[in-house]
Amino acid sequence: MRPVNLQPIGQELAVKWDDGTESFISLERLRRACPCAGCKGEADIMGNLYKGPEQTLAARAFELRGLSLVGSYAVQPVWADGHNTGLFSFDYLKKVAEAQG
């Protein structure tokens, strides 16, 4: 499944998928689901998870400043606090949207 249109609308990201369905993901949920190693940690070959201390996120952390396509498989949000290392594969983006409810 691939998004054909991504638009921030208020405090949500609207996603139109290539099957005609739409998802609305709150920006806070999107940021908290960031899959980067700094946010979710990183596992070694043995499956040990290495993660820094939990970060407190200020209000700016949930302000979307930009959104870029990465190849033909992911989107990369840029947040007002400067965070931009999370790559959301299209499959993962859909799972975040579905988990929202």
PDB file of N, CA and C in Angstrom:
ATOM      1  N   MET A   1       0.848  -1.171   0.000  1.00  0.00           N
ATOM      2  CA  MET A   1       0.000   0.000   0.000  1.00  0.00           C
ATOM      3  C   MET A   1       0.894   1.234   0.000  1.00  0.00           C
ATOM      4  N   ARG A   2       0.517   2.203  -0.812  1.00  0.00           N
ATOM      5  CA  ARG A   2       1.306   3.429  -0.939  1.00  0.00           C
ATOM      6  C   ARG A   2       0.403   4.653  -0.795  1.00  0.00           C
ATOM      7  N   PRO A   3       0.911   5.707  -0.175  1.00  0.00           N
ATOM      8  CA  PRO A   3       0.135   6.947  -0.130  1.00  0.00           C
ATOM      9  C   PRO A   3       0.208   7.657  -1.480  1.00  0.00           C
ATOM     10  N   VAL A   4      -0.903   8.208  -1.897  1.00  0.00           N
ATOM     11  CA  VAL A   4      -0.910   8.998  -3.128  1.00  0.00           C
ATOM     12  C   VAL A   4      -0.986  10.491  -2.813  1.00  0.00           C
ATOM     13  N   ASN A   5      -1.325  10.809  -1.554  1.00  0.00           N
ATOM     14  CA  ASN A   5      -1.367  12.207  -1.134  1.00  0.00           C
ATOM     15  C   ASN A   5      -1.186  12.263   0.378  1.00  0.00           C
ATOM     16  N   LEU A   6      -0.321  13.167   0.824  1.00  0.00           N
ATOM     17  CA  LEU A   6      -0.061  13.404   2.243  1.00  0.00           C
ATOM     18  C   LEU A   6      -0.221  14.892   2.504  1.00  0.00           C
ATOM     19  N   GLN A   7      -1.089  15.246   3.442  1.00  0.00           N
ATOM     20  CA  GLN A   7      -1.319  16.660   3.745  1.00  0.00           C
ATOM     21  C   GLN A   7      -1.484  16.862   5.245  1.00  0.00           C
ATOM     22  N   PRO A   8      -0.677  17.743   5.843  1.00  0.00           N
ATOM     23  CA  PRO A   8      -0.964  18.107   7.232  1.00  0.00           C
ATOM     24  C   PRO A   8      -2.201  18.996   7.266  1.00  0.00           C
ATOM     25  N   ILE A   9      -3.132  18.649   8.140  1.00  0.00           N
ATOM     26  CA  ILE A   9      -4.360  19.427   8.304  1.00  0.00           C
ATOM     27  C   ILE A   9      -4.551  19.629   9.796  1.00  0.00           C
ATOM     28  N   GLY A  10      -4.331  20.843  10.270  1.00  0.00           N
ATOM     29  CA  GLY A  10      -4.440  21.107  11.694  1.00  0.00           C
ATOM     30  C   GLY A  10      -3.424  20.278  12.463  1.00  0.00           C
ATOM     31  N   GLN A  11      -3.907  19.478  13.391  1.00  0.00           N
ATOM     32  CA  GLN A  11      -3.047  18.642  14.232  1.00  0.00           C
ATOM     33  C   GLN A  11      -2.999  17.192  13.757  1.00  0.00           C
ATOM     34  N   GLU A  12      -3.304  16.978  12.469  1.00  0.00           N
ATOM     35  CA  GLU A  12      -3.311  15.636  11.910  1.00  0.00           C
ATOM     36  C   GLU A  12      -2.578  15.591  10.577  1.00  0.00           C
ATOM     37  N   LEU A  13      -2.145  14.396  10.216  1.00  0.00           N
ATOM     38  CA  LEU A  13      -1.626  14.142   8.882  1.00  0.00           C
ATOM     39  C   LEU A  13      -2.686  13.332   8.153  1.00  0.00           C
ATOM     40  N   ALA A  14      -3.194  13.883   7.052  1.00  0.00           N
ATOM     41  CA  ALA A  14      -4.170  13.177   6.226  1.00  0.00           C
ATOM     42  C   ALA A  14      -3.416  12.393   5.158  1.00  0.00           C
ATOM     43  N   VAL A  15      -3.763  11.123   5.035  1.00  0.00           N
ATOM     44  CA  VAL A  15      -3.104  10.256   4.065  1.00  0.00           C
ATOM     45  C   VAL A  15      -4.174   9.623   3.188  1.00  0.00           C
ATOM     46  N   LYS A  16      -4.039   9.821   1.877  1.00  0.00           N
ATOM     47  CA  LYS A  16      -4.907   9.116   0.935  1.00  0.00           C
ATOM     48  C   LYS A  16      -4.066   7.988   0.351  1.00  0.00           C
ATOM     49  N   TRP A  17      -4.569   6.761   0.477  1.00  0.00           N
ATOM     50  CA  TRP A  17      -3.852   5.573   0.028  1.00  0.00           C
ATOM     51  C   TRP A  17      -4.270   5.190  -1.382  1.00  0.00           C
ATOM     52  N   ASP A  18      -3.409   4.419  -2.033  1.00  0.00           N
ATOM     53  CA  ASP A  18      -3.671   4.052  -3.426  1.00  0.00           C
ATOM     54  C   ASP A  18      -4.873   3.122  -3.603  1.00  0.00           C
ATOM     55  N   ASP A  19      -5.428   2.593  -2.512  1.00  0.00           N
ATOM     56  CA  ASP A  19      -6.649   1.789  -2.625  1.00  0.00           C
ATOM     57  C   ASP A  19      -7.904   2.635  -2.434  1.00  0.00           C
ATOM     58  N   GLY A  20      -7.723   3.967  -2.304  1.00  0.00           N
ATOM     59  CA  GLY A  20      -8.851   4.880  -2.159  1.00  0.00           C
ATOM     60  C   GLY A  20      -9.232   5.185  -0.723  1.00  0.00           C
ATOM     61  N   THR A  21      -8.646   4.481   0.249  1.00  0.00           N
ATOM     62  CA  THR A  21      -8.963   4.756   1.650  1.00  0.00           C
ATOM     63  C   THR A  21      -8.173   5.963   2.137  1.00  0.00           C
ATOM     64  N   GLU A  22      -8.614   6.512   3.255  1.00  0.00           N
ATOM     65  CA  GLU A  22      -7.940   7.655   3.868  1.00  0.00           C
ATOM     66  C   GLU A  22      -7.671   7.368   5.334  1.00  0.00           C
ATOM     67  N   SER A  23      -6.586   7.940   5.822  1.00  0.00           N
ATOM     68  CA  SER A  23      -6.233   7.843   7.232  1.00  0.00           C
ATOM     69  C   SER A  23      -5.949   9.243   7.748  1.00  0.00           C
ATOM     70  N   PHE A  24      -6.249   9.460   9.018  1.00  0.00           N
ATOM     71  CA  PHE A  24      -5.930  10.716   9.685  1.00  0.00           C
ATOM     72  C   PHE A  24      -5.158  10.364  10.945  1.00  0.00           C
ATOM     73  N   ILE A  25      -3.892  10.758  10.982  1.00  0.00           N
ATOM     74  CA  ILE A  25      -2.999  10.407  12.085  1.00  0.00           C
ATOM     75  C   ILE A  25      -2.681  11.668  12.868  1.00  0.00           C
ATOM     76  N   SER A  26      -2.924  11.655  14.171  1.00  0.00           N
ATOM     77  CA  SER A  26      -2.580  12.840  14.957  1.00  0.00           C
ATOM     78  C   SER A  26      -1.062  13.039  14.898  1.00  0.00           C
ATOM     79  N   LEU A  27      -0.646  14.289  14.840  1.00  0.00           N
ATOM     80  CA  LEU A  27       0.783  14.585  14.759  1.00  0.00           C
ATOM     81  C   LEU A  27       1.511  14.118  16.016  1.00  0.00           C
ATOM     82  N   GLU A  28       0.856  14.195  17.161  1.00  0.00           N
ATOM     83  CA  GLU A  28       1.494  13.709  18.379  1.00  0.00           C
ATOM     84  C   GLU A  28       1.729  12.203  18.282  1.00  0.00           C
ATOM     85  N   ARG A  29       0.744  11.466  17.815  1.00  0.00           N
ATOM     86  CA  ARG A  29       0.899  10.017  17.664  1.00  0.00           C
ATOM     87  C   ARG A  29       2.016   9.700  16.671  1.00  0.00           C
ATOM     88  N   LEU A  30       2.058  10.441  15.568  1.00  0.00           N
ATOM     89  CA  LEU A  30       3.091  10.229  14.557  1.00  0.00           C
ATOM     90  C   LEU A  30       4.475  10.430  15.159  1.00  0.00           C
ATOM     91  N   ARG A  31       4.661  11.513  15.899  1.00  0.00           N
ATOM     92  CA  ARG A  31       5.968  11.786  16.502  1.00  0.00           C
ATOM     93  C   ARG A  31       6.327  10.724  17.541  1.00  0.00           C
ATOM     94  N   ARG A  32       5.377  10.328  18.353  1.00  0.00           N
ATOM     95  CA  ARG A  32       5.655   9.333  19.387  1.00  0.00           C
ATOM     96  C   ARG A  32       5.935   7.943  18.785  1.00  0.00           C
ATOM     97  N   ALA A  33       5.517   7.738  17.545  1.00  0.00           N
ATOM     98  CA  ALA A  33       5.764   6.465  16.861  1.00  0.00           C
ATOM     99  C   ALA A  33       7.054   6.510  16.036  1.00  0.00           C
ATOM    100  N   CYS A  34       7.833   7.563  16.174  1.00  0.00           N
ATOM    101  CA  CYS A  34       9.051   7.704  15.379  1.00  0.00           C
ATOM    102  C   CYS A  34       9.915   6.448  15.501  1.00  0.00           C
ATOM    103  N   PRO A  35      10.264   5.844  14.361  1.00  0.00           N
ATOM    104  CA  PRO A  35      11.009   4.582  14.393  1.00  0.00           C
ATOM    105  C   PRO A  35      12.531   4.735  14.409  1.00  0.00           C
ATOM    106  N   CYS A  36      13.046   5.938  14.520  1.00  0.00           N
ATOM    107  CA  CYS A  36      14.507   6.106  14.464  1.00  0.00           C
ATOM    108  C   CYS A  36      15.183   5.486  15.689  1.00  0.00           C
ATOM    109  N   ALA A  37      16.453   5.212  15.559  1.00  0.00           N
ATOM    110  CA  ALA A  37      17.219   4.584  16.643  1.00  0.00           C
ATOM    111  C   ALA A  37      17.243   5.458  17.896  1.00  0.00           C
ATOM    112  N   GLY A  38      17.255   6.770  17.729  1.00  0.00           N
ATOM    113  CA  GLY A  38      17.264   7.659  18.882  1.00  0.00           C
ATOM    114  C   GLY A  38      15.973   7.603  19.682  1.00  0.00           C
ATOM    115  N   CYS A  39      14.865   7.351  19.001  1.00  0.00           N
ATOM    116  CA  CYS A  39      13.569   7.303  19.685  1.00  0.00           C
ATOM    117  C   CYS A  39      13.185   5.902  20.139  1.00  0.00           C
ATOM    118  N   LYS A  40      13.368   4.917  19.286  1.00  0.00           N
ATOM    119  CA  LYS A  40      12.929   3.556  19.591  1.00  0.00           C
ATOM    120  C   LYS A  40      14.058   2.638  20.025  1.00  0.00           C
ATOM    121  N   GLY A  41      15.286   3.076  19.874  1.00  0.00           N
ATOM    122  CA  GLY A  41      16.413   2.231  20.227  1.00  0.00           C
ATOM    123  C   GLY A  41      16.911   1.450  19.025  1.00  0.00           C
ATOM    124  N   GLU A  42      17.951   0.679  19.272  1.00  0.00           N
ATOM    125  CA  GLU A  42      18.587  -0.070  18.195  1.00  0.00           C
ATOM    126  C   GLU A  42      19.005  -1.434  18.741  1.00  0.00           C
ATOM    127  N   ALA A  43      18.683  -2.489  18.004  1.00  0.00           N
ATOM    128  CA  ALA A  43      19.005  -3.842  18.454  1.00  0.00           C
ATOM    129  C   ALA A  43      20.285  -4.333  17.791  1.00  0.00           C
ATOM    130  N   ASP A  44      21.082  -5.075  18.560  1.00  0.00           N
ATOM    131  CA  ASP A  44      22.277  -5.685  17.977  1.00  0.00           C
ATOM    132  C   ASP A  44      21.911  -7.056  17.396  1.00  0.00           C
ATOM    133  N   ILE A  45      22.881  -7.745  16.882  1.00  0.00           N
ATOM    134  CA  ILE A  45      22.650  -9.028  16.225  1.00  0.00           C
ATOM    135  C   ILE A  45      22.073 -10.088  17.168  1.00  0.00           C
ATOM    136  N   MET A  46      22.307  -9.919  18.456  1.00  0.00           N
ATOM    137  CA  MET A  46      21.787 -10.862  19.452  1.00  0.00           C
ATOM    138  C   MET A  46      20.379 -10.493  19.930  1.00  0.00           C
ATOM    139  N   GLY A  47      19.862  -9.363  19.442  1.00  0.00           N
ATOM    140  CA  GLY A  47      18.533  -8.937  19.835  1.00  0.00           C
ATOM    141  C   GLY A  47      18.490  -8.051  21.059  1.00  0.00           C
ATOM    142  N   ASN A  48      19.661  -7.662  21.575  1.00  0.00           N
ATOM    143  CA  ASN A  48      19.707  -6.750  22.718  1.00  0.00           C
ATOM    144  C   ASN A  48      19.358  -5.345  22.251  1.00  0.00           C
ATOM    145  N   LEU A  49      18.431  -4.708  22.933  1.00  0.00           N
ATOM    146  CA  LEU A  49      17.992  -3.365  22.566  1.00  0.00           C
ATOM    147  C   LEU A  49      18.806  -2.329  23.335  1.00  0.00           C
ATOM    148  N   TYR A  50      19.361  -1.377  22.599  1.00  0.00           N
ATOM    149  CA  TYR A  50      20.107  -0.275  23.196  1.00  0.00           C
ATOM    150  C   TYR A  50      19.314   0.997  22.936  1.00  0.00           C
ATOM    151  N   LYS A  51      18.986   1.670  24.029  1.00  0.00           N
ATOM    152  CA  LYS A  51      18.153   2.869  23.923  1.00  0.00           C
ATOM    153  C   LYS A  51      18.602   3.869  24.963  1.00  0.00           C
ATOM    154  N   GLY A  52      18.618   5.127  24.569  1.00  0.00           N
ATOM    155  CA  GLY A  52      18.954   6.184  25.512  1.00  0.00           C
ATOM    156  C   GLY A  52      17.801   6.424  26.468  1.00  0.00           C
ATOM    157  N   PRO A  53      17.980   7.353  27.381  1.00  0.00           N
ATOM    158  CA  PRO A  53      16.906   7.665  28.330  1.00  0.00           C
ATOM    159  C   PRO A  53      15.689   8.250  27.613  1.00  0.00           C
ATOM    160  N   GLU A  54      14.537   8.019  28.193  1.00  0.00           N
ATOM    161  CA  GLU A  54      13.294   8.559  27.642  1.00  0.00           C
ATOM    162  C   GLU A  54      13.381  10.080  27.587  1.00  0.00           C
ATOM    163  N   GLN A  55      12.972  10.641  26.455  1.00  0.00           N
ATOM    164  CA  GLN A  55      13.040  12.094  26.283  1.00  0.00           C
ATOM    165  C   GLN A  55      11.683  12.723  26.539  1.00  0.00           C
ATOM    166  N   THR A  56      11.708  13.858  27.216  1.00  0.00           N
ATOM    167  CA  THR A  56      10.491  14.642  27.378  1.00  0.00           C
ATOM    168  C   THR A  56      10.334  15.503  26.138  1.00  0.00           C
ATOM    169  N   LEU A  57       9.177  15.441  25.525  1.00  0.00           N
ATOM    170  CA  LEU A  57       8.938  16.190  24.296  1.00  0.00           C
ATOM    171  C   LEU A  57       8.130  17.445  24.592  1.00  0.00           C
ATOM    172  N   ALA A  58       8.647  18.564  24.147  1.00  0.00           N
ATOM    173  CA  ALA A  58       7.950  19.844  24.289  1.00  0.00           C
ATOM    174  C   ALA A  58       6.903  19.974  23.181  1.00  0.00           C
ATOM    175  N   ALA A  59       6.065  20.968  23.277  1.00  0.00           N
ATOM    176  CA  ALA A  59       4.988  21.177  22.303  1.00  0.00           C
ATOM    177  C   ALA A  59       5.523  21.284  20.874  1.00  0.00           C
ATOM    178  N   ARG A  60       6.704  21.876  20.706  1.00  0.00           N
ATOM    179  CA  ARG A  60       7.291  22.026  19.357  1.00  0.00           C
ATOM    180  C   ARG A  60       7.588  20.673  18.713  1.00  0.00           C
ATOM    181  N   ALA A  61       7.760  19.651  19.521  1.00  0.00           N
ATOM    182  CA  ALA A  61       8.061  18.318  18.995  1.00  0.00           C
ATOM    183  C   ALA A  61       6.903  17.754  18.176  1.00  0.00           C
ATOM    184  N   PHE A  62       5.716  18.311  18.334  1.00  0.00           N
ATOM    185  CA  PHE A  62       4.537  17.802  17.636  1.00  0.00           C
ATOM    186  C   PHE A  62       4.089  18.734  16.505  1.00  0.00           C
ATOM    187  N   GLU A  63       4.916  19.729  16.178  1.00  0.00           N
ATOM    188  CA  GLU A  63       4.625  20.649  15.072  1.00  0.00           C
ATOM    189  C   GLU A  63       5.376  20.175  13.837  1.00  0.00           C
ATOM    190  N   LEU A  64       4.643  19.763  12.821  1.00  0.00           N
ATOM    191  CA  LEU A  64       5.241  19.266  11.593  1.00  0.00           C
ATOM    192  C   LEU A  64       5.660  20.445  10.711  1.00  0.00           C
ATOM    193  N   ARG A  65       6.935  20.488  10.345  1.00  0.00           N
ATOM    194  CA  ARG A  65       7.468  21.571   9.514  1.00  0.00           C
ATOM    195  C   ARG A  65       7.661  21.161   8.059  1.00  0.00           C
ATOM    196  N   GLY A  66       7.771  19.865   7.832  1.00  0.00           N
ATOM    197  CA  GLY A  66       7.963  19.383   6.471  1.00  0.00           C
ATOM    198  C   GLY A  66       7.802  17.885   6.410  1.00  0.00           C
ATOM    199  N   LEU A  67       7.638  17.389   5.205  1.00  0.00           N
ATOM    200  CA  LEU A  67       7.453  15.965   4.980  1.00  0.00           C
ATOM    201  C   LEU A  67       8.038  15.650   3.610  1.00  0.00           C
ATOM    202  N   SER A  68       9.013  14.742   3.570  1.00  0.00           N
ATOM    203  CA  SER A  68       9.676  14.401   2.309  1.00  0.00           C
ATOM    204  C   SER A  68       9.474  12.928   2.001  1.00  0.00           C
ATOM    205  N   LEU A  69       9.321  12.639   0.717  1.00  0.00           N
ATOM    206  CA  LEU A  69       9.312  11.245   0.286  1.00  0.00           C
ATOM    207  C   LEU A  69      10.747  10.763   0.224  1.00  0.00           C
ATOM    208  N   VAL A  70      10.974   9.525   0.643  1.00  0.00           N
ATOM    209  CA  VAL A  70      12.286   8.898   0.589  1.00  0.00           C
ATOM    210  C   VAL A  70      12.161   7.716  -0.360  1.00  0.00           C
ATOM    211  N   GLY A  71      12.773   7.847  -1.521  1.00  0.00           N
ATOM    212  CA  GLY A  71      12.651   6.797  -2.533  1.00  0.00           C
ATOM    213  C   GLY A  71      11.194   6.521  -2.830  1.00  0.00           C
ATOM    214  N   SER A  72      10.875   5.260  -2.984  1.00  0.00           N
ATOM    215  CA  SER A  72       9.485   4.873  -3.240  1.00  0.00           C
ATOM    216  C   SER A  72       8.957   3.983  -2.123  1.00  0.00           C
ATOM    217  N   TYR A  73       9.488   4.240  -0.884  1.00  0.00           N
ATOM    218  CA  TYR A  73       9.087   3.353   0.204  1.00  0.00           C
ATOM    219  C   TYR A  73       8.811   4.037   1.533  1.00  0.00           C
ATOM    220  N   ALA A  74       9.141   5.323   1.700  1.00  0.00           N
ATOM    221  CA  ALA A  74       9.007   5.928   3.027  1.00  0.00           C
ATOM    222  C   ALA A  74       8.770   7.435   2.944  1.00  0.00           C
ATOM    223  N   VAL A  75       8.350   7.990   4.087  1.00  0.00           N
ATOM    224  CA  VAL A  75       8.256   9.442   4.257  1.00  0.00           C
ATOM    225  C   VAL A  75       9.102   9.824   5.466  1.00  0.00           C
ATOM    226  N   GLN A  76       9.625  11.034   5.422  1.00  0.00           N
ATOM    227  CA  GLN A  76      10.493  11.536   6.493  1.00  0.00           C
ATOM    228  C   GLN A  76       9.942  12.864   6.992  1.00  0.00           C
ATOM    229  N   PRO A  77       9.364  12.878   8.197  1.00  0.00           N
ATOM    230  CA  PRO A  77       8.876  14.136   8.764  1.00  0.00           C
ATOM    231  C   PRO A  77      10.022  14.983   9.305  1.00  0.00           C
ATOM    232  N   VAL A  78       9.834  16.278   9.249  1.00  0.00           N
ATOM    233  CA  VAL A  78      10.734  17.236   9.883  1.00  0.00           C
ATOM    234  C   VAL A  78       9.890  17.995  10.901  1.00  0.00           C
ATOM    235  N   TRP A  79      10.336  17.958  12.157  1.00  0.00           N
ATOM    236  CA  TRP A  79       9.578  18.539  13.258  1.00  0.00           C
ATOM    237  C   TRP A  79      10.162  19.883  13.662  1.00  0.00           C
ATOM    238  N   ALA A  80       9.347  20.718  14.292  1.00  0.00           N
ATOM    239  CA  ALA A  80       9.758  22.076  14.669  1.00  0.00           C
ATOM    240  C   ALA A  80      10.921  22.084  15.661  1.00  0.00           C
ATOM    241  N   ASP A  81      11.124  20.992  16.398  1.00  0.00           N
ATOM    242  CA  ASP A  81      12.251  20.943  17.335  1.00  0.00           C
ATOM    243  C   ASP A  81      13.543  20.471  16.655  1.00  0.00           C
ATOM    244  N   GLY A  82      13.493  20.288  15.327  1.00  0.00           N
ATOM    245  CA  GLY A  82      14.677  19.907  14.563  1.00  0.00           C
ATOM    246  C   GLY A  82      14.823  18.417  14.316  1.00  0.00           C
ATOM    247  N   HIS A  83      14.008  17.602  14.952  1.00  0.00           N
ATOM    248  CA  HIS A  83      14.125  16.152  14.766  1.00  0.00           C
ATOM    249  C   HIS A  83      13.702  15.781  13.347  1.00  0.00           C
ATOM    250  N   ASN A  84      14.534  14.976  12.664  1.00  0.00           N
ATOM    251  CA  ASN A  84      14.203  14.602  11.287  1.00  0.00           C
ATOM    252  C   ASN A  84      14.793  13.256  10.868  1.00  0.00           C
ATOM    253  N   THR A  85      15.134  12.401  11.817  1.00  0.00           N
ATOM    254  CA  THR A  85      15.808  11.148  11.468  1.00  0.00           C
ATOM    255  C   THR A  85      14.881   9.947  11.345  1.00  0.00           C
ATOM    256  N   GLY A  86      13.597  10.124  11.559  1.00  0.00           N
ATOM    257  CA  GLY A  86      12.667   9.006  11.455  1.00  0.00           C
ATOM    258  C   GLY A  86      12.204   8.783  10.031  1.00  0.00           C
ATOM    259  N   LEU A  87      12.405   7.578   9.524  1.00  0.00           N
ATOM    260  CA  LEU A  87      11.873   7.191   8.220  1.00  0.00           C
ATOM    261  C   LEU A  87      10.696   6.249   8.440  1.00  0.00           C
ATOM    262  N   PHE A  88       9.526   6.682   8.022  1.00  0.00           N
ATOM    263  CA  PHE A  88       8.314   5.884   8.170  1.00  0.00           C
ATOM    264  C   PHE A  88       8.061   5.162   6.853  1.00  0.00           C
ATOM    265  N   SER A  89       8.361   3.855   6.822  1.00  0.00           N
ATOM    266  CA  SER A  89       8.018   3.091   5.618  1.00  0.00           C
ATOM    267  C   SER A  89       6.510   3.204   5.428  1.00  0.00           C
ATOM    268  N   PHE A  90       6.062   3.040   4.205  1.00  0.00           N
ATOM    269  CA  PHE A  90       4.628   3.149   3.961  1.00  0.00           C
ATOM    270  C   PHE A  90       3.857   2.111   4.774  1.00  0.00           C
ATOM    271  N   ASP A  91       4.396   0.893   4.889  1.00  0.00           N
ATOM    272  CA  ASP A  91       3.733  -0.142   5.688  1.00  0.00           C
ATOM    273  C   ASP A  91       3.639   0.274   7.152  1.00  0.00           C
ATOM    274  N   TYR A  92       4.737   0.837   7.691  1.00  0.00           N
ATOM    275  CA  TYR A  92       4.731   1.258   9.089  1.00  0.00           C
ATOM    276  C   TYR A  92       3.768   2.431   9.289  1.00  0.00           C
ATOM    277  N   LEU A  93       3.740   3.370   8.345  1.00  0.00           N
ATOM    278  CA  LEU A  93       2.809   4.508   8.426  1.00  0.00           C
ATOM    279  C   LEU A  93       1.374   4.013   8.478  1.00  0.00           C
ATOM    280  N   LYS A  94       1.057   3.013   7.677  1.00  0.00           N
ATOM    281  CA  LYS A  94      -0.300   2.449   7.674  1.00  0.00           C
ATOM    282  C   LYS A  94      -0.589   1.786   9.024  1.00  0.00           C
ATOM    283  N   LYS A  95       0.380   1.083   9.590  1.00  0.00           N
ATOM    284  CA  LYS A  95       0.175   0.446  10.901  1.00  0.00           C
ATOM    285  C   LYS A  95      -0.048   1.480  11.992  1.00  0.00           C
ATOM    286  N   VAL A  96       0.681   2.585  11.936  1.00  0.00           N
ATOM    287  CA  VAL A  96       0.489   3.668  12.921  1.00  0.00           C
ATOM    288  C   VAL A  96      -0.931   4.220  12.770  1.00  0.00           C
ATOM    289  N   ALA A  97      -1.376   4.413  11.546  1.00  0.00           N
ATOM    290  CA  ALA A  97      -2.725   4.925  11.313  1.00  0.00           C
ATOM    291  C   ALA A  97      -3.781   3.956  11.826  1.00  0.00           C
ATOM    292  N   GLU A  98      -3.609   2.669  11.565  1.00  0.00           N
ATOM    293  CA  GLU A  98      -4.601   1.671  11.991  1.00  0.00           C
ATOM    294  C   GLU A  98      -4.620   1.504  13.503  1.00  0.00           C
ATOM    295  N   ALA A  99      -3.467   1.639  14.149  1.00  0.00           N
ATOM    296  CA  ALA A  99      -3.387   1.485  15.603  1.00  0.00           C
ATOM    297  C   ALA A  99      -4.083   2.635  16.325  1.00  0.00           C
ATOM    298  N   GLN A 100      -4.231   3.740  15.646  1.00  0.00           N
ATOM    299  CA  GLN A 100      -4.849   4.914  16.243  1.00  0.00           C
ATOM    300  C   GLN A 100      -6.331   4.675  16.516  1.00  0.00           C
ATOM    301  N   GLY A 101      -6.916   3.838  15.722  1.00  0.00           N
ATOM    302  CA  GLY A 101      -8.266   3.518  16.082  1.00  0.00           C
ATOM    303  C   GLY A 101      -9.310   3.658  15.086  1.00  0.00           C
TER     304      GLY A 101
END
